[in-house]
Amino acid sequence: DVDGPMVPARVKFLPENLGHYYGWKFDPCAVSMLNFLGWAVPDLQIVIASHRVGMRSPCDRSYTNTRASWSAIFKMNGLNIPIHKDWITDRSIDRRPKIDEINGWLNEHQGTTQFVTIDDEAAGHNDDVTQEQRDHLHLCGEDPLNGITWEDLIRALTFFGIDCQRGLTVLMHKYAIYTTELNYENNDS
């Protein structure tokens, strides 16, 4: 999901987002945390659930119903995680609520064993969703007001088998060196 985790309520006050209901300027902290997750989990790819076909991309004013339009939006925001080739879940009428939509994608991609669902609607608006279902979805980013939090990042890393009790400081230090070197290389060219 994009609007709650990446453009939470507080980020709608960014100057770039004023006057736009959804906003296209992502929360810079959420972008940084996801880029860190993508660095820590090198094969990580994005699948988009329940995008709104009628929204226009700020990049080329096309409708956001293509993989290319979402790639441009992610690039504009500095999100460096590639989009999966089967990039979108099936939003057909019989796949509601969203938890069923996500499970449908996972059922069609049986080889996907390590994943995390970043969504503020998959369980948040459905009181019938159990903790077991939340755990099955590896659900993070459920807070539509604050978006992706530090706790969500820790939870996501844990889902991917990364020991956050001992190794997070070392991992963050290595990431800081990596991004510093990357910025240095980009500024040199």
Protein backbone atom coordinates (compact mmCIF):
# COMPACT_ATOMS: atom_id res chain seq x y z
CA ASP A 1 0.00 0.00 0.00
CA VAL A 2 1.26 3.50 -0.67
CA ASP A 3 -1.02 6.13 0.86
CA GLY A 4 -0.85 5.20 4.59
CA PRO A 5 2.67 3.80 4.97
CA MET A 6 4.47 6.04 2.44
CA VAL A 7 2.23 9.13 2.58
CA PRO A 8 0.83 9.09 6.11
CA ALA A 9 -1.39 11.88 7.39
CA ARG A 10 1.53 13.89 8.80
CA VAL A 11 3.35 13.92 5.43
CA LYS A 12 0.32 15.41 3.71
CA PHE A 13 1.48 18.70 5.26
CA LEU A 14 4.65 18.75 3.14
CA PRO A 15 4.44 21.71 0.74
CA GLU A 16 4.58 19.36 -2.26
CA ASN A 17 1.52 17.48 -1.01
CA LEU A 18 -0.74 20.38 -0.08
CA GLY A 19 -3.84 20.44 -2.24
CA HIS A 20 -3.47 16.80 -3.27
CA TYR A 21 -5.54 14.26 -1.36
CA TYR A 22 -3.02 11.45 -1.68
CA GLY A 23 0.15 13.42 -2.22
CA TRP A 24 3.08 12.13 -4.20
CA LYS A 25 5.95 13.21 -1.99
CA PHE A 26 6.65 10.18 0.18
CA ASP A 27 7.73 10.35 3.80
CA PRO A 28 11.54 10.69 3.54
CA CYS A 29 12.02 8.55 6.67
CA ALA A 30 9.82 5.78 5.24
CA VAL A 31 11.81 5.88 2.00
CA SER A 32 15.10 5.67 3.91
CA MET A 33 13.87 2.78 6.04
CA LEU A 34 12.65 0.85 2.99
CA ASN A 35 15.92 1.51 1.16
CA PHE A 36 17.72 0.16 4.22
CA LEU A 37 15.46 -2.91 4.16
CA GLY A 38 16.18 -3.34 0.44
CA TRP A 39 19.91 -3.14 1.14
CA ALA A 40 19.67 -5.65 3.99
CA VAL A 41 17.51 -8.00 1.88
CA PRO A 42 19.11 -7.75 -1.59
CA ASP A 43 16.42 -9.69 -3.50
CA LEU A 44 13.58 -7.55 -2.12
CA GLN A 45 10.98 -6.45 -4.69
CA ILE A 46 7.78 -4.44 -4.44
CA VAL A 47 4.26 -5.63 -5.27
CA ILE A 48 1.52 -3.01 -5.18
CA ALA A 49 -1.90 -3.80 -3.75
CA SER A 50 -5.14 -1.97 -4.49
CA HIS A 51 -3.73 0.97 -6.38
CA ARG A 52 -6.27 3.46 -7.60
CA VAL A 53 -6.47 3.30 -11.38
CA GLY A 54 -7.96 6.80 -11.60
CA MET A 55 -5.05 8.63 -9.95
CA ARG A 56 -2.68 10.53 -12.23
CA SER A 57 1.08 10.24 -11.86
CA PRO A 58 2.93 13.48 -11.10
CA CYS A 59 5.75 12.30 -13.35
CA ASP A 60 3.99 12.08 -16.69
CA ARG A 61 0.31 12.71 -15.81
CA SER A 62 -0.56 9.19 -16.97
CA TYR A 63 -2.85 7.02 -14.93
CA THR A 64 -1.04 5.01 -12.28
CA ASN A 65 -2.07 1.67 -13.70
CA THR A 66 1.28 0.71 -15.15
CA ARG A 67 4.47 -0.65 -13.69
CA ALA A 68 6.39 2.14 -15.46
CA SER A 69 4.32 4.90 -13.86
CA TRP A 70 4.91 3.46 -10.38
CA SER A 71 8.63 3.02 -11.12
CA ALA A 72 8.80 6.71 -12.03
CA ILE A 73 6.99 7.70 -8.82
CA PHE A 74 9.35 5.55 -6.73
CA LYS A 75 12.38 7.00 -8.52
CA MET A 76 11.08 10.56 -8.00
CA ASN A 77 10.94 9.81 -4.26
CA GLY A 78 14.33 8.08 -4.09
CA LEU A 79 12.92 4.61 -3.39
CA ASN A 80 15.51 2.19 -4.77
CA ILE A 81 13.69 -1.15 -4.55
CA PRO A 82 12.69 -2.74 -7.87
CA ILE A 83 9.08 -3.55 -8.68
CA HIS A 84 8.26 -7.25 -9.13
CA LYS A 85 7.43 -8.41 -12.68
CA ASP A 86 3.98 -9.48 -11.40
CA TRP A 87 3.76 -6.09 -9.77
CA ILE A 88 0.11 -5.80 -8.77
CA THR A 89 -2.45 -7.85 -6.87
CA ASP A 90 -5.77 -8.77 -8.42
CA ARG A 91 -8.40 -6.24 -7.35
CA SER A 92 -11.40 -8.15 -8.67
CA ILE A 93 -14.63 -7.85 -6.73
CA ASP A 94 -14.44 -11.39 -5.32
CA ARG A 95 -11.04 -10.74 -3.72
CA ARG A 96 -12.18 -8.25 -1.08
CA PRO A 97 -11.20 -7.50 1.68
CA LYS A 98 -7.59 -6.59 0.97
CA ILE A 99 -6.27 -9.44 3.12
CA ASP A 100 -7.82 -11.83 0.58
CA GLU A 101 -6.26 -9.88 -2.27
CA ILE A 102 -2.77 -10.21 -0.73
CA ASN A 103 -3.30 -13.89 0.05
CA GLY A 104 -4.47 -14.38 -3.55
CA TRP A 105 -1.17 -12.99 -4.86
CA LEU A 106 0.79 -15.17 -2.45
CA ASN A 107 -1.20 -18.26 -3.53
CA GLU A 108 -0.35 -17.49 -7.17
CA HIS A 109 3.34 -17.14 -6.25
CA GLN A 110 3.90 -20.23 -4.11
CA GLY A 111 7.70 -19.79 -4.25
CA THR A 112 7.44 -16.57 -2.29
CA THR A 113 8.31 -17.63 1.23
CA GLN A 114 9.99 -14.50 2.57
CA PHE A 115 7.87 -11.38 2.34
CA VAL A 116 6.50 -8.50 4.34
CA THR A 117 3.18 -6.71 3.83
CA ILE A 118 3.38 -2.96 4.34
CA ASP A 119 -0.19 -1.79 4.47
CA ASP A 120 -2.44 0.28 6.71
CA GLU A 121 -5.64 -1.33 5.42
CA ALA A 122 -4.90 -5.06 5.18
CA ALA A 123 -5.99 -5.57 8.76
CA GLY A 124 -6.57 -2.13 10.24
CA HIS A 125 -10.07 -1.59 8.87
CA ASN A 126 -11.20 -5.14 9.42
CA ASP A 127 -11.81 -6.14 13.04
CA ASP A 128 -12.33 -9.75 11.97
CA VAL A 129 -8.62 -10.14 11.12
CA THR A 130 -6.93 -12.24 13.78
CA GLN A 131 -3.42 -11.85 15.14
CA GLU A 132 -2.59 -15.15 13.42
CA GLN A 133 -3.63 -13.62 10.06
CA ARG A 134 -1.60 -10.49 10.80
CA ASP A 135 1.42 -12.66 11.56
CA HIS A 136 0.84 -14.75 8.40
CA LEU A 137 0.92 -11.56 6.31
CA HIS A 138 4.02 -10.31 8.13
CA LEU A 139 2.09 -7.08 8.50
CA CYS A 140 3.88 -3.75 9.06
CA GLY A 141 3.02 -0.11 8.48
CA GLU A 142 -0.49 -0.26 9.92
CA ASP A 143 -0.46 3.32 11.25
CA PRO A 144 -2.06 5.69 8.69
CA LEU A 145 -1.13 8.73 10.79
CA ASN A 146 2.61 8.10 11.17
CA GLY A 147 3.36 5.62 8.38
CA ILE A 148 6.30 3.28 8.63
CA THR A 149 7.83 3.42 12.09
CA TRP A 150 11.08 2.19 13.62
CA GLU A 151 9.13 -0.71 15.10
CA ASP A 152 7.86 -1.62 11.60
CA LEU A 153 11.43 -1.69 10.28
CA ILE A 154 12.52 -3.98 13.14
CA ARG A 155 9.52 -6.23 12.54
CA ALA A 156 10.23 -6.41 8.79
CA LEU A 157 13.91 -7.20 9.34
CA THR A 158 12.90 -9.92 11.79
CA PHE A 159 10.55 -11.46 9.22
CA PHE A 160 13.55 -11.75 6.91
CA GLY A 161 15.56 -13.52 9.61
CA ILE A 162 17.82 -10.61 10.55
CA ASP A 163 18.75 -10.60 14.24
CA CYS A 164 17.88 -7.09 15.35
CA GLN A 165 18.91 -7.61 18.97
CA ARG A 166 22.59 -8.06 18.20
CA GLY A 167 23.22 -7.20 14.59
CA LEU A 168 21.21 -4.05 13.87
CA THR A 169 23.87 -1.58 14.99
CA VAL A 170 26.54 -3.33 12.92
CA LEU A 171 24.16 -3.55 9.95
CA MET A 172 23.29 0.15 10.19
CA HIS A 173 26.98 1.04 10.39
CA LYS A 174 27.70 -0.99 7.23
CA TYR A 175 24.73 0.67 5.50
CA ALA A 176 26.00 4.12 6.49
CA ILE A 177 29.38 3.31 4.94
CA TYR A 178 27.64 1.93 1.82
CA THR A 179 25.44 5.02 1.34
CA THR A 180 28.35 7.39 2.02
CA GLU A 181 30.43 5.63 -0.63
CA LEU A 182 27.46 5.60 -3.02
CA ASN A 183 26.86 9.34 -2.52
CA TYR A 184 30.57 10.00 -3.01
CA GLU A 185 30.56 8.03 -6.28
CA ASN A 186 27.40 9.80 -7.52
CA ASN A 187 28.84 13.25 -6.73
CA ASP A 188 32.12 12.39 -8.45
CA SER A 189 30.50 11.62 -11.81
